[in-house]
Amino acid sequence: MGLIYLSILLVAIAFLITVVYICFVLKRVTNTMQTLRGTLGSAEERVEKMTPVLSQTIKETDELMADVTEKVQATDSMFDSIQLFGESVQSANTALQNGLGNLTDEEMDRKVKPFIEGIKWSEVAVQLYGTWKGKQPKQKNELMIQEEHDIVEVTGREG
């Protein structure tokens, strides 16, 4: 019978040691959970403060991207026009080189004179339009029209 009481006493001591160990473990888990609760609470506050700002930033970025996309699409036609203009100038230059390569200086002056006159009159029209709109020229002699006897010398190497 003494052996049974001794076995029960040893089981009770083992149970006591197990309970004490579990208490220490639970105390450490409790402390860790309290620290985690404080950390998560402050993180939650920061996220709540940042969420409206981030939402507004995303909306503004979306509006900015839509505006940039619209403006880029608007410039597409301009670049297409510039490309076509460049191709036209290149074609005109090629035709000029092929067609006017054998002309004398007098013939060249006679053929180029209408274009020079057109440029002069277009400059006059721009000046008049600017004056009519109330824009004053930057300099008094901003527009200088060459006299008819001043003809641009064409060498055939312009293009």
Protein backbone atom coordinates (compact mmCIF):
# COMPACT_ATOMS: atom_id res chain seq x y z
CA MET A 1 0.00 0.00 0.00
CA GLY A 2 2.88 2.36 0.66
CA LEU A 3 3.98 1.90 -2.89
CA ILE A 4 0.65 3.21 -4.25
CA TYR A 5 0.83 6.32 -2.06
CA LEU A 6 4.38 6.94 -3.19
CA SER A 7 3.33 6.59 -6.87
CA ILE A 8 0.45 9.00 -6.35
CA LEU A 9 2.82 11.45 -4.64
CA LEU A 10 5.25 11.27 -7.59
CA VAL A 11 2.42 11.74 -10.12
CA ALA A 12 1.16 14.75 -8.09
CA ILE A 13 4.67 16.29 -8.04
CA ALA A 14 5.02 15.73 -11.80
CA PHE A 15 1.60 17.29 -12.35
CA LEU A 16 2.62 20.28 -10.18
CA ILE A 17 5.83 20.77 -12.17
CA THR A 18 3.84 20.56 -15.44
CA VAL A 19 1.27 23.10 -14.19
CA VAL A 20 3.99 25.53 -13.06
CA TYR A 21 5.77 25.20 -16.44
CA ILE A 22 2.47 25.78 -18.29
CA CYS A 23 1.85 28.87 -16.12
CA PHE A 24 5.23 30.34 -17.10
CA VAL A 25 4.57 29.59 -20.77
CA LEU A 26 1.08 31.14 -20.62
CA LYS A 27 2.48 34.25 -18.87
CA ARG A 28 5.04 34.68 -21.67
CA VAL A 29 2.33 34.15 -24.31
CA THR A 30 0.15 36.76 -22.54
CA ASN A 31 2.99 39.30 -22.53
CA THR A 32 3.70 38.62 -26.21
CA MET A 33 0.02 39.04 -27.10
CA GLN A 34 -0.18 42.36 -25.22
CA THR A 35 2.88 43.65 -27.06
CA LEU A 36 1.40 42.44 -30.35
CA ARG A 37 -1.91 44.12 -29.55
CA GLY A 38 -0.15 47.46 -28.96
CA THR A 39 1.87 47.13 -32.15
CA LEU A 40 -1.16 46.18 -34.25
CA GLY A 41 -3.19 49.01 -32.70
CA SER A 42 -0.62 51.63 -33.69
CA ALA A 43 -0.24 50.05 -37.14
CA GLU A 44 -4.03 50.12 -37.58
CA GLU A 45 -4.14 53.81 -36.66
CA ARG A 46 -1.39 54.58 -39.18
CA VAL A 47 -3.16 52.62 -41.90
CA GLU A 48 -6.44 54.44 -41.15
CA LYS A 49 -4.65 57.78 -41.48
CA MET A 50 -2.87 56.76 -44.70
CA THR A 51 -5.85 55.19 -46.47
CA PRO A 52 -7.67 58.44 -47.42
CA VAL A 53 -4.42 60.04 -48.55
CA LEU A 54 -3.53 57.02 -50.69
CA SER A 55 -7.04 56.91 -52.12
CA GLN A 56 -6.86 60.58 -53.09
CA THR A 57 -3.40 60.09 -54.60
CA ILE A 58 -4.64 57.18 -56.70
CA LYS A 59 -7.60 59.26 -57.94
CA GLU A 60 -5.31 62.17 -58.86
CA THR A 61 -2.90 59.81 -60.60
CA ASP A 62 -5.76 58.30 -62.57
CA GLU A 63 -6.95 61.76 -63.64
CA LEU A 64 -3.40 62.75 -64.57
CA MET A 65 -2.91 59.61 -66.65
CA ALA A 66 -6.23 60.20 -68.43
CA ASP A 67 -5.17 63.79 -69.17
CA VAL A 68 -1.74 62.70 -70.43
CA THR A 69 -3.31 60.01 -72.61
CA GLU A 70 -5.74 62.55 -74.10
CA LYS A 71 -2.94 65.02 -74.81
CA VAL A 72 -0.71 62.38 -76.36
CA GLN A 73 -3.58 61.28 -78.61
CA ALA A 74 -4.14 64.92 -79.58
CA THR A 75 -0.51 65.25 -80.66
CA ASP A 76 -0.63 62.11 -82.81
CA SER A 77 -2.32 63.93 -85.67
CA MET A 78 0.19 66.78 -85.38
CA PHE A 79 3.11 64.38 -85.71
CA ASP A 80 1.40 62.68 -88.63
CA SER A 81 1.01 66.08 -90.28
CA ILE A 82 4.65 66.91 -89.63
CA GLN A 83 5.68 63.60 -91.15
CA LEU A 84 3.55 64.25 -94.24
CA PHE A 85 4.95 67.77 -94.51
CA GLY A 86 8.50 66.42 -94.30
CA GLU A 87 7.75 63.85 -96.98
CA SER A 88 6.24 66.59 -99.17
CA VAL A 89 9.29 68.79 -98.71
CA GLN A 90 11.54 65.87 -99.54
CA SER A 91 9.49 65.07 -102.67
CA ALA A 92 9.51 68.72 -103.70
CA ASN A 93 13.25 68.90 -103.17
CA THR A 94 13.78 65.77 -105.25
CA ALA A 95 11.56 67.14 -108.01
CA LEU A 96 13.35 70.47 -107.84
CA GLN A 97 16.73 68.78 -108.09
CA ASN A 98 15.57 66.68 -111.05
CA GLY A 99 13.67 69.41 -112.85
CA LEU A 100 15.86 72.42 -112.24
CA GLY A 101 19.28 70.86 -112.40
CA ASN A 102 19.93 72.03 -115.96
CA LEU A 103 18.55 75.58 -115.65
CA THR A 104 20.64 78.68 -116.04
CA ASP A 105 20.74 81.29 -113.30
CA GLU A 106 18.33 83.58 -115.20
CA GLU A 107 15.80 80.78 -115.72
CA MET A 108 16.13 79.78 -112.05
CA ASP A 109 15.55 83.39 -110.94
CA ARG A 110 12.47 83.63 -113.17
CA LYS A 111 11.00 80.36 -111.81
CA VAL A 112 11.76 81.12 -108.15
CA LYS A 113 10.54 84.75 -108.23
CA PRO A 114 6.81 83.90 -107.71
CA PHE A 115 7.64 81.87 -104.60
CA ILE A 116 9.75 84.67 -103.17
CA GLU A 117 6.94 87.15 -103.81
CA GLY A 118 4.48 84.79 -102.11
CA ILE A 119 6.72 84.58 -99.04
CA LYS A 120 7.05 88.37 -98.92
CA TRP A 121 3.29 88.89 -99.11
CA SER A 122 2.63 86.21 -96.52
CA GLU A 123 4.98 88.04 -94.15
CA VAL A 124 3.06 91.26 -94.84
CA ALA A 125 -0.22 89.44 -94.12
CA VAL A 126 1.12 88.09 -90.82
CA GLN A 127 2.30 91.58 -89.83
CA LEU A 128 -1.06 93.11 -90.69
CA TYR A 129 -2.92 90.39 -88.82
CA GLY A 130 -0.75 90.94 -85.75
CA THR A 131 -1.33 94.69 -85.89
CA TRP A 132 -5.07 94.15 -86.36
CA LYS A 133 -5.19 91.87 -83.30
CA GLY A 134 -3.41 94.54 -81.26
CA LYS A 135 -0.06 92.82 -81.06
CA GLN A 136 2.77 95.22 -81.53
CA PRO A 137 5.91 93.95 -83.25
CA LYS A 138 8.88 93.21 -81.02
CA GLN A 139 11.03 95.59 -83.04
CA LYS A 140 10.05 98.38 -85.36
CA ASN A 141 11.88 96.72 -88.21
CA GLU A 142 10.63 93.23 -87.46
CA LEU A 143 9.34 92.77 -90.97
CA MET A 144 11.73 93.72 -93.70
CA ILE A 145 10.56 93.11 -97.21
CA GLN A 146 13.23 92.76 -99.82
CA GLU A 147 12.99 94.78 -102.94
CA GLU A 148 12.13 93.04 -106.20
CA HIS A 149 15.72 93.29 -107.44
CA ASP A 150 17.02 91.35 -104.40
CA ILE A 151 16.68 87.74 -105.48
CA VAL A 152 17.91 84.81 -103.47
CA GLU A 153 20.81 83.01 -105.09
CA VAL A 154 20.04 79.36 -105.74
CA THR A 155 23.07 77.10 -105.97
CA GLY A 156 21.37 73.74 -106.49
CA ARG A 157 22.78 72.36 -103.21
CA GLU A 158 19.94 73.50 -100.92
CA GLY A 159 18.38 70.10 -100.22
